[in-house]
C-alpha atoms as a PDB file:
ATOM      1  CA  MET A   1     130.148 -34.275 110.226  1.00  0.00           C
ATOM      2  CA  LYS A   2     133.679 -35.055 111.387  1.00  0.00           C
ATOM      3  CA  VAL A   3     134.808 -35.533 107.787  1.00  0.00           C
ATOM      4  CA  PHE A   4     133.307 -32.143 106.870  1.00  0.00           C
ATOM      5  CA  ASP A   5     135.119 -30.513 109.816  1.00  0.00           C
ATOM      6  CA  LYS A   6     138.415 -32.016 108.686  1.00  0.00           C
ATOM      7  CA  ILE A   7     137.920 -30.708 105.150  1.00  0.00           C
ATOM      8  CA  VAL A   8     137.130 -27.192 106.452  1.00  0.00           C
ATOM      9  CA  ALA A   9     140.177 -27.283 108.754  1.00  0.00           C
ATOM     10  CA  THR A  10     142.426 -28.422 105.892  1.00  0.00           C
ATOM     11  CA  LEU A  11     141.132 -25.699 103.574  1.00  0.00           C
ATOM     12  CA  PHE A  12     141.616 -23.091 106.312  1.00  0.00           C
ATOM     13  CA  ALA A  13     145.217 -24.219 106.893  1.00  0.00           C
ATOM     14  CA  VAL A  14     145.950 -23.993 103.147  1.00  0.00           C
ATOM     15  CA  LEU A  15     144.497 -20.467 103.017  1.00  0.00           C
ATOM     16  CA  VAL A  16     146.554 -19.373 106.058  1.00  0.00           C
ATOM     17  CA  VAL A  17     149.797 -20.745 104.563  1.00  0.00           C
ATOM     18  CA  SER A  18     149.059 -19.064 101.210  1.00  0.00           C
ATOM     19  CA  ALA A  19     148.290 -15.763 102.903  1.00  0.00           C
ATOM     20  CA  LEU A  20     151.476 -15.880 104.980  1.00  0.00           C
ATOM     21  CA  SER A  21     153.543 -16.715 101.903  1.00  0.00           C
ATOM     22  CA  ALA A  22     152.039 -13.777 100.038  1.00  0.00           C
ATOM     23  CA  ILE A  23     152.745 -11.434 102.973  1.00  0.00           C
ATOM     24  CA  SER A  24     156.335 -12.712 103.207  1.00  0.00           C
ATOM     25  CA  LEU A  25     156.902 -12.219  99.473  1.00  0.00           C
ATOM     26  CA  THR A  26     155.394  -8.730  99.580  1.00  0.00           C
ATOM     27  CA  SER A  27     157.529  -7.839 102.598  1.00  0.00           C
ATOM     28  CA  MET A  28     160.672  -9.097 100.870  1.00  0.00           C
ATOM     29  CA  LYS A  29     159.921  -7.098  97.732  1.00  0.00           C
ATOM     30  CA  ALA A  30     159.161  -4.017  99.823  1.00  0.00           C
ATOM     31  CA  HIS A  31     162.510  -4.354 101.581  1.00  0.00           C
ATOM     32  CA  GLN A  32     164.335  -4.778  98.272  1.00  0.00           C
ATOM     33  CA  SER A  33     162.809  -1.571  96.907  1.00  0.00           C
ATOM     34  CA  GLU A  34     163.041   0.359 100.178  1.00  0.00           C
ATOM     35  CA  ASN A  35     163.901   4.034  99.812  1.00  0.00           C
ATOM     36  CA  ILE A  36     167.457   5.018 100.647  1.00  0.00           C
ATOM     37  CA  GLN A  37     167.642   7.449 103.563  1.00  0.00           C
ATOM     38  CA  ILE A  38     170.570   9.813 103.085  1.00  0.00           C
ATOM     39  CA  ILE A  39     172.141  11.031 106.330  1.00  0.00           C
ATOM     40  CA  SER A  40     174.446  14.027 105.945  1.00  0.00           C
ATOM     41  CA  ARG A  41     176.409  16.370 108.149  1.00  0.00           C
ATOM     42  CA  GLU A  42     175.385  20.013 108.382  1.00  0.00           C
ATOM     43  CA  GLU A  43     176.724  22.779 106.156  1.00  0.00           C
ATOM     44  CA  GLY A  44     179.913  24.039 107.757  1.00  0.00           C
ATOM     45  CA  SER A  45     181.056  20.524 108.644  1.00  0.00           C
ATOM     46  CA  GLY A  46     184.582  19.817 107.429  1.00  0.00           C
ATOM     47  CA  THR A  47     183.726  16.160 106.921  1.00  0.00           C
ATOM     48  CA  ARG A  48     180.828  17.191 104.683  1.00  0.00           C
ATOM     49  CA  GLY A  49     183.098  19.551 102.762  1.00  0.00           C
ATOM     50  CA  ALA A  50     185.722  16.842 102.270  1.00  0.00           C
ATOM     51  CA  PHE A  51     183.059  14.265 101.295  1.00  0.00           C
ATOM     52  CA  VAL A  52     181.521  16.612  98.706  1.00  0.00           C
ATOM     53  CA  GLU A  53     184.963  17.339  97.254  1.00  0.00           C
ATOM     54  CA  LEU A  54     186.227  13.735  97.192  1.00  0.00           C
ATOM     55  CA  PHE A  55     183.037  12.288  95.658  1.00  0.00           C
ATOM     56  CA  GLU A  56     182.440  15.334  93.434  1.00  0.00           C
ATOM     57  CA  VAL A  57     178.951  15.915  94.829  1.00  0.00           C
ATOM     58  CA  PHE A  58     178.924  19.476  93.546  1.00  0.00           C
ATOM     59  CA  GLU A  59     178.076  21.629  90.558  1.00  0.00           C
ATOM     60  CA  LYS A  60     180.321  24.363  89.202  1.00  0.00           C
ATOM     61  CA  ILE A  61     178.547  27.692  88.726  1.00  0.00           C
ATOM     62  CA  ASN A  62     180.592  30.773  87.830  1.00  0.00           C
ATOM     63  CA  ASN A  63     183.783  28.944  88.832  1.00  0.00           C
ATOM     64  CA  LYS A  64     182.304  28.195  92.278  1.00  0.00           C
ATOM     65  CA  LYS A  65     181.573  24.667  93.562  1.00  0.00           C
ATOM     66  CA  ILE A  66     177.995  24.356  94.828  1.00  0.00           C
ATOM     67  CA  ASP A  67     177.199  21.496  97.235  1.00  0.00           C
ATOM     68  CA  LYS A  68     174.640  19.167  95.583  1.00  0.00           C
ATOM     69  CA  ILE A  69     173.716  16.866  98.483  1.00  0.00           C
ATOM     70  CA  ASP A  70     170.014  16.034  98.086  1.00  0.00           C
ATOM     71  CA  GLN A  71     167.680  18.428  99.917  1.00  0.00           C
ATOM     72  CA  LYS A  72     165.756  15.424 101.289  1.00  0.00           C
ATOM     73  CA  ALA A  73     168.794  14.271 103.295  1.00  0.00           C
ATOM     74  CA  GLU A  74     168.432  14.020 107.059  1.00  0.00           C
ATOM     75  CA  ILE A  75     170.933  16.404 108.651  1.00  0.00           C
ATOM     76  CA  THR A  76     172.996  15.562 111.742  1.00  0.00           C
ATOM     77  CA  ASN A  77     175.256  17.972 113.612  1.00  0.00           C
ATOM     78  CA  SER A  78     178.024  15.667 114.830  1.00  0.00           C
ATOM     79  CA  THR A  79     179.904  12.448 114.111  1.00  0.00           C
ATOM     80  CA  ALA A  80     178.275  10.697 117.083  1.00  0.00           C
ATOM     81  CA  VAL A  81     174.753  11.578 115.938  1.00  0.00           C
ATOM     82  CA  MET A  82     175.604  10.412 112.400  1.00  0.00           C
ATOM     83  CA  ILE A  83     176.696   6.995 113.686  1.00  0.00           C
ATOM     84  CA  THR A  84     173.616   6.648 115.895  1.00  0.00           C
ATOM     85  CA  SER A  85     171.276   7.704 113.068  1.00  0.00           C
ATOM     86  CA  VAL A  86     172.674   5.089 110.682  1.00  0.00           C
ATOM     87  CA  ALA A  87     172.789   2.387 113.391  1.00  0.00           C
ATOM     88  CA  ASN A  88     169.074   2.929 114.091  1.00  0.00           C
ATOM     89  CA  ASN A  89     167.852   3.008 110.460  1.00  0.00           C
ATOM     90  CA  GLU A  90     168.169  -0.023 108.160  1.00  0.00           C
ATOM     91  CA  SER A  91     167.627   2.209 105.110  1.00  0.00           C
ATOM     92  CA  ALA A  92     170.305   4.756 105.981  1.00  0.00           C
ATOM     93  CA  ILE A  93     173.618   5.668 104.385  1.00  0.00           C
ATOM     94  CA  GLY A  94     176.049   8.253 105.735  1.00  0.00           C
ATOM     95  CA  TYR A  95     179.727   9.147 106.053  1.00  0.00           C
ATOM     96  CA  ILE A  96     182.112   9.570 108.988  1.00  0.00           C
ATOM     97  CA  SER A  97     185.747   9.906 109.960  1.00  0.00           C
ATOM     98  CA  LEU A  98     187.393   6.498 109.557  1.00  0.00           C
ATOM     99  CA  GLY A  99     189.009   6.919 112.978  1.00  0.00           C
ATOM    100  CA  THR A 100     185.584   7.052 114.645  1.00  0.00           C
ATOM    101  CA  LEU A 101     184.241   3.883 112.965  1.00  0.00           C
ATOM    102  CA  ASN A 102     182.828   1.275 115.360  1.00  0.00           C
ATOM    103  CA  ASN A 103     180.921  -2.000 115.053  1.00  0.00           C
ATOM    104  CA  SER A 104     177.472  -0.395 115.440  1.00  0.00           C
ATOM    105  CA  VAL A 105     177.571   0.429 111.706  1.00  0.00           C
ATOM    106  CA  LYS A 106     179.116  -1.142 108.582  1.00  0.00           C
ATOM    107  CA  ALA A 107     181.733   0.573 106.411  1.00  0.00           C
ATOM    108  CA  LEU A 108     181.361  -0.076 102.682  1.00  0.00           C
ATOM    109  CA  LEU A 109     184.148  -0.983 100.310  1.00  0.00           C
ATOM    110  CA  ILE A 110     184.594   1.712  97.650  1.00  0.00           C
ATOM    111  CA  ASP A 111     185.343   0.303  94.206  1.00  0.00           C
ATOM    112  CA  ASP A 112     186.344  -2.975  95.912  1.00  0.00           C
ATOM    113  CA  ILE A 113     188.822  -1.238  98.264  1.00  0.00           C
ATOM    114  CA  ARG A 114     188.340  -1.519 102.020  1.00  0.00           C
ATOM    115  CA  PRO A 115     188.691   1.700 104.029  1.00  0.00           C
ATOM    116  CA  SER A 116     191.683   1.157 106.313  1.00  0.00           C
ATOM    117  CA  VAL A 117     194.804   2.913 107.514  1.00  0.00           C
ATOM    118  CA  ALA A 118     196.935   0.431 105.539  1.00  0.00           C
ATOM    119  CA  ASN A 119     195.047   1.112 102.309  1.00  0.00           C
ATOM    120  CA  ILE A 120     195.312   4.876 102.819  1.00  0.00           C
ATOM    121  CA  LYS A 121     199.045   4.554 103.389  1.00  0.00           C
ATOM    122  CA  ASN A 122     199.526   2.489 100.227  1.00  0.00           C
ATOM    123  CA  LYS A 123     197.278   4.948  98.339  1.00  0.00           C
ATOM    124  CA  GLU A 124     194.744   2.288  97.294  1.00  0.00           C
ATOM    125  CA  TYR A 125     191.973   3.945  99.330  1.00  0.00           C
ATOM    126  CA  THR A 126     192.029   7.562  98.206  1.00  0.00           C
ATOM    127  CA  ILE A 127     189.040   8.875 100.203  1.00  0.00           C
ATOM    128  CA  ALA A 128     191.163  10.726 102.742  1.00  0.00           C
ATOM    129  CA  ARG A 129     191.737  14.268 103.989  1.00  0.00           C
ATOM    130  CA  PRO A 130     193.991  16.125 106.453  1.00  0.00           C
ATOM    131  CA  PHE A 131     193.086  16.887 110.042  1.00  0.00           C
ATOM    132  CA  ASN A 132     194.129  20.539 110.321  1.00  0.00           C
ATOM    133  CA  VAL A 133     194.320  22.886 113.265  1.00  0.00           C
ATOM    134  CA  VAL A 134     194.523  26.617 112.658  1.00  0.00           C
ATOM    135  CA  THR A 135     195.729  29.615 114.646  1.00  0.00           C
ATOM    136  CA  ILE A 136     195.700  33.370 114.150  1.00  0.00           C
ATOM    137  CA  LYS A 137     197.858  34.275 117.152  1.00  0.00           C
ATOM    138  CA  GLU A 138     200.796  32.767 118.965  1.00  0.00           C
ATOM    139  CA  ASN A 139     201.890  32.427 122.553  1.00  0.00           C
ATOM    140  CA  ALA A 140     204.151  30.076 124.471  1.00  0.00           C
ATOM    141  CA  LEU A 141     201.362  27.654 125.443  1.00  0.00           C
ATOM    142  CA  ILE A 142     199.825  27.434 121.964  1.00  0.00           C
ATOM    143  CA  ASN A 143     203.248  26.805 120.439  1.00  0.00           C
ATOM    144  CA  ASP A 144     204.210  24.218 123.053  1.00  0.00           C
ATOM    145  CA  PHE A 145     200.979  22.266 122.627  1.00  0.00           C
ATOM    146  CA  LEU A 146     201.253  22.272 118.812  1.00  0.00           C
ATOM    147  CA  ASN A 147     204.892  21.179 119.029  1.00  0.00           C
ATOM    148  CA  PHE A 148     203.806  18.372 121.363  1.00  0.00           C
ATOM    149  CA  THR A 149     201.339  17.094 118.713  1.00  0.00           C
ATOM    150  CA  ASN A 150     204.340  16.335 116.480  1.00  0.00           C
ATOM    151  CA  SER A 151     206.283  14.519 119.204  1.00  0.00           C
ATOM    152  CA  LEU A 152     206.933  10.767 119.144  1.00  0.00           C
ATOM    153  CA  GLN A 153     204.549  10.370 122.099  1.00  0.00           C
ATOM    154  CA  ALA A 154     201.763  12.166 120.196  1.00  0.00           C
ATOM    155  CA  GLN A 155     202.458  10.153 117.029  1.00  0.00           C
ATOM    156  CA  GLU A 156     201.872   6.941 119.002  1.00  0.00           C
ATOM    157  CA  ILE A 157     198.552   8.325 120.299  1.00  0.00           C
ATOM    158  CA  ILE A 158     197.493   9.297 116.770  1.00  0.00           C
ATOM    159  CA  THR A 159     198.380   5.839 115.411  1.00  0.00           C
ATOM    160  CA  LYS A 160     196.548   3.982 118.217  1.00  0.00           C
ATOM    161  CA  ALA A 161     193.462   6.153 117.609  1.00  0.00           C
ATOM    162  CA  GLY A 162     193.284   4.895 114.004  1.00  0.00           C
ATOM    163  CA  TYR A 163     194.775   7.863 112.149  1.00  0.00           C
ATOM    164  CA  ILE A 164     197.955   8.376 110.142  1.00  0.00           C
ATOM    165  CA  PRO A 165     200.572  10.655 111.748  1.00  0.00           C
ATOM    166  CA  TYR A 166     201.641  13.483 109.476  1.00  0.00           C
ATOM    167  CA  GLU A 167     205.196  14.096 110.632  1.00  0.00           C
ATOM    168  CA  SER A 168     207.376  13.658 113.693  1.00  0.00           C
ATOM    169  CA  LYS A 169     209.663  16.341 115.113  1.00  0.00           C
ATOM    170  CA  GLU A 170     211.992  16.664 118.069  1.00  0.00           C
ATOM    171  CA  TYR A 171     210.137  18.060 121.058  1.00  0.00           C
ATOM    172  CA  THR A 172     211.311  19.479 124.377  1.00  0.00           C
ATOM    173  CA  LEU A 173     208.630  20.220 126.986  1.00  0.00           C
ATOM    174  CA  THR A 174     208.763  23.816 128.257  1.00  0.00           C
ATOM    175  CA  LYS A 175     205.742  23.703 130.615  1.00  0.00           C
ATOM    176  CA  PRO A 176     204.299  27.189 129.974  1.00  0.00           C
ATOM    177  CA  SER A 177     201.290  28.199 132.078  1.00  0.00           C
ATOM    178  CA  GLY A 178     197.919  29.515 130.934  1.00  0.00           C
ATOM    179  CA  LYS A 179     194.744  28.418 129.188  1.00  0.00           C
ATOM    180  CA  ILE A 180     193.950  27.659 125.558  1.00  0.00           C
ATOM    181  CA  VAL A 181     190.553  27.105 123.944  1.00  0.00           C
ATOM    182  CA  ILE A 182     190.334  24.649 121.053  1.00  0.00           C
ATOM    183  CA  ALA A 183     187.114  24.732 118.994  1.00  0.00           C
ATOM    184  CA  GLY A 184     185.678  23.163 115.846  1.00  0.00           C
ATOM    185  CA  SER A 185     185.311  19.822 114.090  1.00  0.00           C
ATOM    186  CA  SER A 186     183.521  16.980 115.885  1.00  0.00           C
ATOM    187  CA  SER A 187     185.605  14.567 113.785  1.00  0.00           C
ATOM    188  CA  ILE A 188     188.866  15.890 115.208  1.00  0.00           C
ATOM    189  CA  SER A 189     187.738  16.486 118.798  1.00  0.00           C
ATOM    190  CA  PRO A 190     188.076  12.814 119.951  1.00  0.00           C
ATOM    191  CA  LEU A 191     191.727  12.844 118.850  1.00  0.00           C
ATOM    192  CA  ILE A 192     192.362  16.276 120.389  1.00  0.00           C
ATOM    193  CA  GLU A 193     190.884  14.981 123.678  1.00  0.00           C
ATOM    194  CA  LYS A 194     193.466  12.187 123.729  1.00  0.00           C
ATOM    195  CA  LEU A 195     196.310  14.589 122.898  1.00  0.00           C
ATOM    196  CA  LYS A 196     195.085  17.058 125.531  1.00  0.00           C
ATOM    197  CA  GLU A 197     195.013  14.329 128.202  1.00  0.00           C
ATOM    198  CA  ALA A 198     198.574  13.260 127.407  1.00  0.00           C
ATOM    199  CA  TYR A 199     199.877  16.842 127.269  1.00  0.00           C
ATOM    200  CA  LEU A 200     198.324  17.871 130.597  1.00  0.00           C
ATOM    201  CA  LYS A 201     199.990  14.920 132.309  1.00  0.00           C
ATOM    202  CA  GLU A 202     203.302  16.460 131.266  1.00  0.00           C
ATOM    203  CA  ASN A 203     202.366  20.115 131.783  1.00  0.00           C
ATOM    204  CA  LYS A 204     200.279  20.606 134.905  1.00  0.00           C
ATOM    205  CA  ASN A 205     200.585  24.409 134.562  1.00  0.00           C
ATOM    206  CA  ALA A 206     198.194  24.465 131.590  1.00  0.00           C
ATOM    207  CA  THR A 207     194.416  24.329 131.118  1.00  0.00           C
ATOM    208  CA  ILE A 208     192.844  23.281 127.826  1.00  0.00           C
ATOM    209  CA  GLU A 209     189.150  23.694 126.997  1.00  0.00           C
ATOM    210  CA  ILE A 210     187.667  21.887 123.977  1.00  0.00           C
ATOM    211  CA  GLN A 211     184.481  23.143 122.293  1.00  0.00           C
ATOM    212  CA  GLN A 212     183.003  20.724 119.746  1.00  0.00           C
ATOM    213  CA  SER A 213     181.041  22.103 116.789  1.00  0.00           C
ATOM    214  CA  ASP A 214     182.128  22.051 113.129  1.00  0.00           C
ATOM    215  CA  SER A 215     185.088  23.157 111.033  1.00  0.00           C
ATOM    216  CA  SER A 216     183.649  26.461 109.821  1.00  0.00           C
ATOM    217  CA  THR A 217     182.680  27.430 113.369  1.00  0.00           C
ATOM    218  CA  GLY A 218     186.184  26.534 114.516  1.00  0.00           C
ATOM    219  CA  ILE A 219     187.673  28.841 111.877  1.00  0.00           C
ATOM    220  CA  ASN A 220     185.312  31.700 112.721  1.00  0.00           C
ATOM    221  CA  LEU A 221     185.897  31.438 116.476  1.00  0.00           C
ATOM    222  CA  THR A 222     189.644  31.461 115.889  1.00  0.00           C
ATOM    223  CA  LEU A 223     189.428  34.517 113.628  1.00  0.00           C
ATOM    224  CA  GLN A 224     187.298  36.264 116.276  1.00  0.00           C
ATOM    225  CA  GLY A 225     189.827  35.486 119.005  1.00  0.00           C
ATOM    226  CA  ILE A 226     187.288  33.432 120.996  1.00  0.00           C
ATOM    227  CA  ALA A 227     189.255  30.235 120.329  1.00  0.00           C
ATOM    228  CA  ASP A 228     193.039  29.960 120.302  1.00  0.00           C
ATOM    229  CA  ILE A 229     193.087  26.912 118.012  1.00  0.00           C
ATOM    230  CA  GLY A 230     190.476  25.859 115.451  1.00  0.00           C
ATOM    231  CA  MET A 231     189.911  22.229 114.393  1.00  0.00           C
ATOM    232  CA  VAL A 232     189.290  21.867 110.637  1.00  0.00           C
ATOM    233  CA  SER A 233     188.700  18.419 109.100  1.00  0.00           C
ATOM    234  CA  ARG A 234     189.165  19.507 105.471  1.00  0.00           C
ATOM    235  CA  GLU A 235     191.464  21.522 103.258  1.00  0.00           C
ATOM    236  CA  LEU A 236     191.247  25.265 103.841  1.00  0.00           C
ATOM    237  CA  SER A 237     190.103  27.497 101.001  1.00  0.00           C
ATOM    238  CA  GLN A 238     192.314  30.242  99.589  1.00  0.00           C
ATOM    239  CA  SER A 239     189.901  32.862 100.953  1.00  0.00           C
ATOM    240  CA  GLU A 240     190.248  31.391 104.474  1.00  0.00           C
ATOM    241  CA  LEU A 241     194.038  31.322 104.247  1.00  0.00           C
ATOM    242  CA  ALA A 242     194.007  34.921 103.002  1.00  0.00           C
ATOM    243  CA  LYS A 243     192.578  35.974 106.383  1.00  0.00           C
ATOM    244  CA  GLY A 244     195.913  35.182 108.011  1.00  0.00           C
ATOM    245  CA  LEU A 245     195.264  31.710 109.402  1.00  0.00           C
ATOM    246  CA  ASN A 246     198.260  29.513 110.126  1.00  0.00           C
ATOM    247  CA  THR A 247     197.709  25.799 109.477  1.00  0.00           C
ATOM    248  CA  HIS A 248     199.172  22.806 111.250  1.00  0.00           C
ATOM    249  CA  ILE A 249     198.425  19.245 110.059  1.00  0.00           C
ATOM    250  CA  LEU A 250     197.791  16.816 112.905  1.00  0.00           C
ATOM    251  CA  ALA A 251     197.109  13.654 110.935  1.00  0.00           C
ATOM    252  CA  ILE A 252     195.599  12.117 107.811  1.00  0.00           C
ATOM    253  CA  ASP A 253     192.151  10.544 108.177  1.00  0.00           C
ATOM    254  CA  GLY A 254     189.965   8.518 105.832  1.00  0.00           C
ATOM    255  CA  ILE A 255     186.263   9.034 105.246  1.00  0.00           C
ATOM    256  CA  ALA A 256     184.174   5.876 105.588  1.00  0.00           C
ATOM    257  CA  ILE A 257     180.790   5.448 103.883  1.00  0.00           C
ATOM    258  CA  ILE A 258     178.563   3.706 106.414  1.00  0.00           C
ATOM    259  CA  VAL A 259     175.286   1.757 106.314  1.00  0.00           C
ATOM    260  CA  ASN A 260     173.247  -0.197 108.841  1.00  0.00           C
ATOM    261  CA  VAL A 261     174.781  -3.538 109.852  1.00  0.00           C
ATOM    262  CA  LYS A 262     171.708  -5.363 108.448  1.00  0.00           C
ATOM    263  CA  ASN A 263     172.187  -3.876 104.988  1.00  0.00           C
ATOM    264  CA  LYS A 264     173.317  -6.570 102.513  1.00  0.00           C
ATOM    265  CA  ILE A 265     175.234  -4.077 100.372  1.00  0.00           C
ATOM    266  CA  ASN A 266     178.994  -4.341 100.979  1.00  0.00           C
ATOM    267  CA  ASN A 267     180.550  -2.504  98.062  1.00  0.00           C
ATOM    268  CA  LEU A 268     179.674   0.581  95.992  1.00  0.00           C
ATOM    269  CA  SER A 269     181.504   2.605  93.365  1.00  0.00           C
ATOM    270  CA  LYS A 270     182.333   6.282  93.751  1.00  0.00           C
ATOM    271  CA  ALA A 271     179.884   6.973  90.927  1.00  0.00           C
ATOM    272  CA  GLN A 272     177.059   5.158  92.756  1.00  0.00           C
ATOM    273  CA  ILE A 273     177.726   7.061  95.999  1.00  0.00           C
ATOM    274  CA  LYS A 274     177.715  10.368  94.125  1.00  0.00           C
ATOM    275  CA  ALA A 275     174.389   9.428  92.485  1.00  0.00           C
ATOM    276  CA  ILE A 276     172.863   8.398  95.836  1.00  0.00           C
ATOM    277  CA  PHE A 277     173.796  11.616  97.612  1.00  0.00           C
ATOM    278  CA  GLU A 278     172.611  13.732  94.684  1.00  0.00           C
ATOM    279  CA  GLY A 279     169.211  11.962  94.854  1.00  0.00           C
ATOM    280  CA  LYS A 280     169.585  10.236  91.476  1.00  0.00           C
ATOM    281  CA  ILE A 281     169.529   6.724  92.971  1.00  0.00           C
ATOM    282  CA  THR A 282     166.764   6.521  95.565  1.00  0.00           C
ATOM    283  CA  LYS A 283     166.134   2.786  96.180  1.00  0.00           C
ATOM    284  CA  TRP A 284     168.439   0.048  97.406  1.00  0.00           C
ATOM    285  CA  SER A 285     167.002  -2.274  94.741  1.00  0.00           C
ATOM    286  CA  GLU A 286     168.594  -0.068  92.061  1.00  0.00           C
ATOM    287  CA  LEU A 287     172.017  -1.111  93.347  1.00  0.00           C
ATOM    288  CA  LYS A 288     171.505  -4.877  93.073  1.00  0.00           C
END
């Protein structure tokens, strides 16, 4: 009877090991063919507009570029939500301002080039766009703050924040009083917060309010006179410029393509990213 029990126990152990191996293999195959979850910014986002332009995720109809990001994409309304969404989803892929990149997500190499300030400066990493601010009116405080953003002190802040300063000019503080409202891009707002903090230390007569939304909202609020300065994280269109907006470039920023830190993919081509965001490549296994 004991011999029979031993045989049954041995057979049971073999069956358990075989079953676990089969489950493990199935799980591995399932992970390899897991659907890609596209995470995109909302329409109106300057980062989305720049991404679509730089990766050519559009279709030309009647001389107009139509955004072709897949309709199945999950939409987020800020840079912070984008990062959190990708960090919490092993299947996700998204895009953010390079200056906001942190270690909760992984930035992919694009055509074997790492996204970095150095590689943007040497023009090896070409996925970059200007950080613009726009105005429709002028006053002493608006002018003084914008002049401050080109000062040597501001250039140091911009560099430390992970962006590329656009140009440096001589600046003399005039300390005008009043309040300005700055509205728009969630990609630019972290940098504007740092510049605001430094400026208000020098000019205690001023008040600055920052309203975070997206680039198109920033433009519209500026045109309506609700905001004094609009933050726009993309190039402005000719039709926007025709409305009388004045542009001021704060810095140059890269766009990083991000995935979950557990994703084994480290490098994609521009063509592959375009195909993913247009819904033509839908599984991670298609990229291996």
